[in-house]
Amino acid sequence: MAEIEPEIYVLEDEAGREVEFTELFSFKADNNGKTYIILKALDPEVEGVLAYTVNPEDEAGELIPLETEAEFDMVEEVMNTILNNPEL
């Protein structure tokens, strides 16, 4: 059975260098219907994760920045739940 290669996202950091990221996980929010994607850098020296909204029907895979503090809070809550629960 063929293994599916994860999609690689190339983003620029604050210094203008290209950094490769891969999807850690994604989820669809019940409250607004948006799909969120959490990205982690492939380089272990790059700390933290990035969160964006995506349109799953958009073949270009455009990453859309979070718009509100409420979105940041909701994404952080979901991340904490998933990352701190080994059964998920």
N, C-alpha and C. Protein backbone atom coordinates (compact mmCIF):
# COMPACT_ATOMS: atom_id res chain seq x y z
N MET A 1 0.85 -1.18 0.00
CA MET A 1 0.00 0.00 0.00
C MET A 1 0.89 1.24 0.00
N ALA A 2 0.62 2.17 -0.88
CA ALA A 2 1.44 3.38 -1.01
C ALA A 2 1.16 4.34 0.13
N GLU A 3 2.23 4.90 0.66
CA GLU A 3 2.10 5.88 1.72
C GLU A 3 1.88 7.25 1.10
N ILE A 4 0.97 8.02 1.66
CA ILE A 4 0.67 9.35 1.14
C ILE A 4 1.68 10.33 1.71
N GLU A 5 2.33 11.08 0.83
CA GLU A 5 3.29 12.09 1.25
C GLU A 5 2.54 13.30 1.79
N PRO A 6 2.96 13.83 2.94
CA PRO A 6 2.29 15.02 3.47
C PRO A 6 2.58 16.23 2.60
N GLU A 7 1.62 17.13 2.53
CA GLU A 7 1.80 18.35 1.76
C GLU A 7 2.77 19.27 2.50
N ILE A 8 3.67 19.88 1.76
CA ILE A 8 4.64 20.80 2.33
C ILE A 8 4.22 22.23 1.98
N TYR A 9 4.19 23.08 2.99
CA TYR A 9 3.88 24.50 2.81
C TYR A 9 5.18 25.27 3.01
N VAL A 10 5.51 26.15 2.08
CA VAL A 10 6.71 26.96 2.19
C VAL A 10 6.28 28.39 2.50
N LEU A 11 6.68 28.88 3.67
CA LEU A 11 6.31 30.22 4.12
C LEU A 11 7.58 31.00 4.43
N GLU A 12 7.48 32.31 4.39
CA GLU A 12 8.62 33.16 4.75
C GLU A 12 8.56 33.52 6.22
N ASP A 13 9.72 33.48 6.88
CA ASP A 13 9.78 33.92 8.27
C ASP A 13 10.00 35.44 8.31
N GLU A 14 10.17 35.98 9.52
CA GLU A 14 10.31 37.42 9.68
C GLU A 14 11.53 37.98 8.95
N ALA A 15 12.56 37.14 8.77
CA ALA A 15 13.79 37.57 8.10
C ALA A 15 13.74 37.37 6.59
N GLY A 16 12.61 36.88 6.07
CA GLY A 16 12.47 36.67 4.64
C GLY A 16 13.00 35.34 4.14
N ARG A 17 13.40 34.46 5.06
CA ARG A 17 13.88 33.13 4.66
C ARG A 17 12.70 32.19 4.47
N GLU A 18 12.83 31.28 3.52
CA GLU A 18 11.78 30.29 3.29
C GLU A 18 11.91 29.16 4.30
N VAL A 19 10.78 28.81 4.93
CA VAL A 19 10.74 27.74 5.92
C VAL A 19 9.66 26.75 5.49
N GLU A 20 9.99 25.47 5.51
CA GLU A 20 9.03 24.43 5.13
C GLU A 20 8.23 23.98 6.36
N PHE A 21 6.92 23.86 6.15
CA PHE A 21 6.00 23.42 7.21
C PHE A 21 5.20 22.24 6.70
N THR A 22 4.72 21.44 7.64
CA THR A 22 3.82 20.35 7.32
C THR A 22 2.61 20.44 8.25
N GLU A 23 1.52 19.84 7.82
CA GLU A 23 0.29 19.88 8.61
C GLU A 23 0.42 19.00 9.84
N LEU A 24 0.20 19.59 11.00
CA LEU A 24 0.16 18.84 12.25
C LEU A 24 -1.22 18.20 12.40
N PHE A 25 -2.26 19.01 12.19
CA PHE A 25 -3.64 18.52 12.12
C PHE A 25 -4.52 19.65 11.60
N SER A 26 -5.74 19.29 11.24
CA SER A 26 -6.72 20.28 10.82
C SER A 26 -8.07 19.89 11.41
N PHE A 27 -8.97 20.86 11.48
CA PHE A 27 -10.30 20.60 12.02
C PHE A 27 -11.28 21.63 11.48
N LYS A 28 -12.55 21.25 11.50
CA LYS A 28 -13.63 22.16 11.09
C LYS A 28 -14.37 22.59 12.34
N ALA A 29 -14.51 23.89 12.52
CA ALA A 29 -15.18 24.44 13.69
C ALA A 29 -16.69 24.39 13.50
N ASP A 30 -17.39 23.92 14.52
CA ASP A 30 -18.84 23.84 14.46
C ASP A 30 -19.49 25.23 14.51
N ASN A 31 -18.85 26.16 15.23
CA ASN A 31 -19.49 27.46 15.45
C ASN A 31 -19.48 28.38 14.23
N ASN A 32 -18.51 28.20 13.31
CA ASN A 32 -18.46 29.10 12.16
C ASN A 32 -18.28 28.38 10.83
N GLY A 33 -18.12 27.06 10.86
CA GLY A 33 -17.99 26.27 9.64
C GLY A 33 -16.64 26.38 8.95
N LYS A 34 -15.71 27.15 9.53
CA LYS A 34 -14.39 27.31 8.92
C LYS A 34 -13.53 26.08 9.20
N THR A 35 -12.61 25.80 8.27
CA THR A 35 -11.63 24.74 8.46
C THR A 35 -10.31 25.39 8.85
N TYR A 36 -9.70 24.89 9.91
CA TYR A 36 -8.44 25.42 10.43
C TYR A 36 -7.35 24.39 10.22
N ILE A 37 -6.14 24.87 9.95
CA ILE A 37 -4.99 24.00 9.77
C ILE A 37 -3.88 24.48 10.71
N ILE A 38 -3.25 23.54 11.37
CA ILE A 38 -2.14 23.83 12.27
C ILE A 38 -0.88 23.29 11.62
N LEU A 39 0.11 24.16 11.44
CA LEU A 39 1.35 23.80 10.75
C LEU A 39 2.52 23.81 11.72
N LYS A 40 3.43 22.86 11.51
CA LYS A 40 4.67 22.77 12.28
C LYS A 40 5.84 22.75 11.31
N ALA A 41 6.89 23.50 11.64
CA ALA A 41 8.07 23.56 10.78
C ALA A 41 8.77 22.22 10.74
N LEU A 42 9.30 21.87 9.58
CA LEU A 42 10.08 20.65 9.44
C LEU A 42 11.43 20.79 10.13
N ASP A 43 11.95 22.00 10.21
CA ASP A 43 13.22 22.28 10.89
C ASP A 43 12.98 22.26 12.40
N PRO A 44 13.62 21.34 13.13
CA PRO A 44 13.39 21.25 14.58
C PRO A 44 13.85 22.48 15.34
N GLU A 45 14.66 23.33 14.72
CA GLU A 45 15.11 24.54 15.40
C GLU A 45 14.06 25.65 15.37
N VAL A 46 13.05 25.51 14.53
CA VAL A 46 11.96 26.49 14.46
C VAL A 46 10.90 26.04 15.45
N GLU A 47 10.68 26.87 16.47
CA GLU A 47 9.75 26.52 17.54
C GLU A 47 8.33 26.97 17.22
N GLY A 48 7.38 26.33 17.90
CA GLY A 48 5.99 26.73 17.82
C GLY A 48 5.27 26.18 16.60
N VAL A 49 4.02 26.59 16.50
CA VAL A 49 3.16 26.18 15.39
C VAL A 49 2.47 27.42 14.83
N LEU A 50 1.93 27.29 13.63
CA LEU A 50 1.17 28.36 13.00
C LEU A 50 -0.24 27.87 12.73
N ALA A 51 -1.21 28.76 12.85
CA ALA A 51 -2.60 28.40 12.59
C ALA A 51 -3.17 29.31 11.51
N TYR A 52 -3.91 28.70 10.59
CA TYR A 52 -4.56 29.42 9.50
C TYR A 52 -5.93 28.81 9.26
N THR A 53 -6.77 29.55 8.53
CA THR A 53 -7.99 28.95 8.00
C THR A 53 -7.70 28.59 6.55
N VAL A 54 -8.40 27.58 6.06
CA VAL A 54 -8.26 27.15 4.67
C VAL A 54 -9.64 26.84 4.12
N ASN A 55 -9.76 26.95 2.82
CA ASN A 55 -10.98 26.53 2.14
C ASN A 55 -10.66 25.17 1.52
N PRO A 56 -11.24 24.09 2.04
CA PRO A 56 -10.90 22.76 1.52
C PRO A 56 -11.23 22.56 0.05
N GLU A 57 -12.08 23.42 -0.50
CA GLU A 57 -12.45 23.30 -1.92
C GLU A 57 -11.53 24.11 -2.82
N ASP A 58 -10.63 24.90 -2.22
CA ASP A 58 -9.69 25.72 -2.98
C ASP A 58 -8.47 24.88 -3.33
N GLU A 59 -8.31 24.56 -4.61
CA GLU A 59 -7.20 23.71 -5.04
C GLU A 59 -5.84 24.38 -4.82
N ALA A 60 -5.80 25.70 -4.78
CA ALA A 60 -4.54 26.41 -4.57
C ALA A 60 -4.06 26.28 -3.14
N GLY A 61 -4.97 25.95 -2.21
CA GLY A 61 -4.58 25.76 -0.82
C GLY A 61 -4.15 27.04 -0.13
N GLU A 62 -4.82 28.16 -0.45
CA GLU A 62 -4.45 29.44 0.15
C GLU A 62 -4.63 29.39 1.66
N LEU A 63 -3.61 29.84 2.38
CA LEU A 63 -3.66 29.94 3.84
C LEU A 63 -4.15 31.33 4.20
N ILE A 64 -5.19 31.41 5.01
CA ILE A 64 -5.80 32.68 5.38
C ILE A 64 -5.54 32.92 6.87
N PRO A 65 -4.91 34.05 7.21
CA PRO A 65 -4.62 34.32 8.63
C PRO A 65 -5.90 34.38 9.46
N LEU A 66 -5.77 34.01 10.74
CA LEU A 66 -6.89 34.12 11.66
C LEU A 66 -7.24 35.59 11.80
N GLU A 67 -8.54 35.88 11.96
CA GLU A 67 -9.00 37.26 11.92
C GLU A 67 -9.29 37.88 13.27
N THR A 68 -9.71 37.08 14.23
CA THR A 68 -10.15 37.66 15.50
C THR A 68 -9.47 36.98 16.69
N GLU A 69 -9.50 37.67 17.81
CA GLU A 69 -8.97 37.11 19.05
C GLU A 69 -9.78 35.87 19.45
N ALA A 70 -11.08 35.89 19.15
CA ALA A 70 -11.93 34.73 19.45
C ALA A 70 -11.46 33.50 18.67
N GLU A 71 -11.06 33.69 17.41
CA GLU A 71 -10.53 32.57 16.62
C GLU A 71 -9.24 32.04 17.23
N PHE A 72 -8.33 32.95 17.61
CA PHE A 72 -7.08 32.52 18.23
C PHE A 72 -7.37 31.71 19.50
N ASP A 73 -8.29 32.20 20.32
CA ASP A 73 -8.62 31.50 21.57
C ASP A 73 -9.21 30.12 21.29
N MET A 74 -10.11 30.03 20.32
CA MET A 74 -10.75 28.75 19.99
C MET A 74 -9.72 27.76 19.46
N VAL A 75 -8.84 28.22 18.56
CA VAL A 75 -7.81 27.34 18.00
C VAL A 75 -6.86 26.88 19.10
N GLU A 76 -6.49 27.77 19.99
CA GLU A 76 -5.60 27.40 21.10
C GLU A 76 -6.25 26.35 21.99
N GLU A 77 -7.54 26.50 22.26
CA GLU A 77 -8.26 25.52 23.08
C GLU A 77 -8.29 24.15 22.40
N VAL A 78 -8.57 24.12 21.10
CA VAL A 78 -8.58 22.84 20.37
C VAL A 78 -7.19 22.23 20.35
N MET A 79 -6.16 23.05 20.10
CA MET A 79 -4.79 22.54 20.09
C MET A 79 -4.43 21.92 21.43
N ASN A 80 -4.74 22.61 22.51
CA ASN A 80 -4.42 22.08 23.84
C ASN A 80 -5.15 20.78 24.10
N THR A 81 -6.41 20.69 23.69
CA THR A 81 -7.18 19.46 23.88
C THR A 81 -6.56 18.31 23.10
N ILE A 82 -6.23 18.54 21.84
CA ILE A 82 -5.68 17.47 21.00
C ILE A 82 -4.27 17.08 21.43
N LEU A 83 -3.43 18.06 21.68
CA LEU A 83 -2.03 17.76 22.01
C LEU A 83 -1.86 17.18 23.41
N ASN A 84 -2.81 17.45 24.31
CA ASN A 84 -2.70 16.94 25.67
C ASN A 84 -3.53 15.69 25.92
N ASN A 85 -4.18 15.16 24.87
CA ASN A 85 -4.99 13.96 25.02
C ASN A 85 -4.46 12.89 24.08
N PRO A 86 -3.65 11.96 24.59
CA PRO A 86 -3.05 10.95 23.72
C PRO A 86 -4.05 10.01 23.05
N GLU A 87 -5.29 10.00 23.52
CA GLU A 87 -6.29 9.11 22.93
C GLU A 87 -6.90 9.67 21.65
N LEU A 88 -6.68 10.95 21.38
CA LEU A 88 -7.24 11.57 20.17
C LEU A 88 -6.33 11.40 19.00
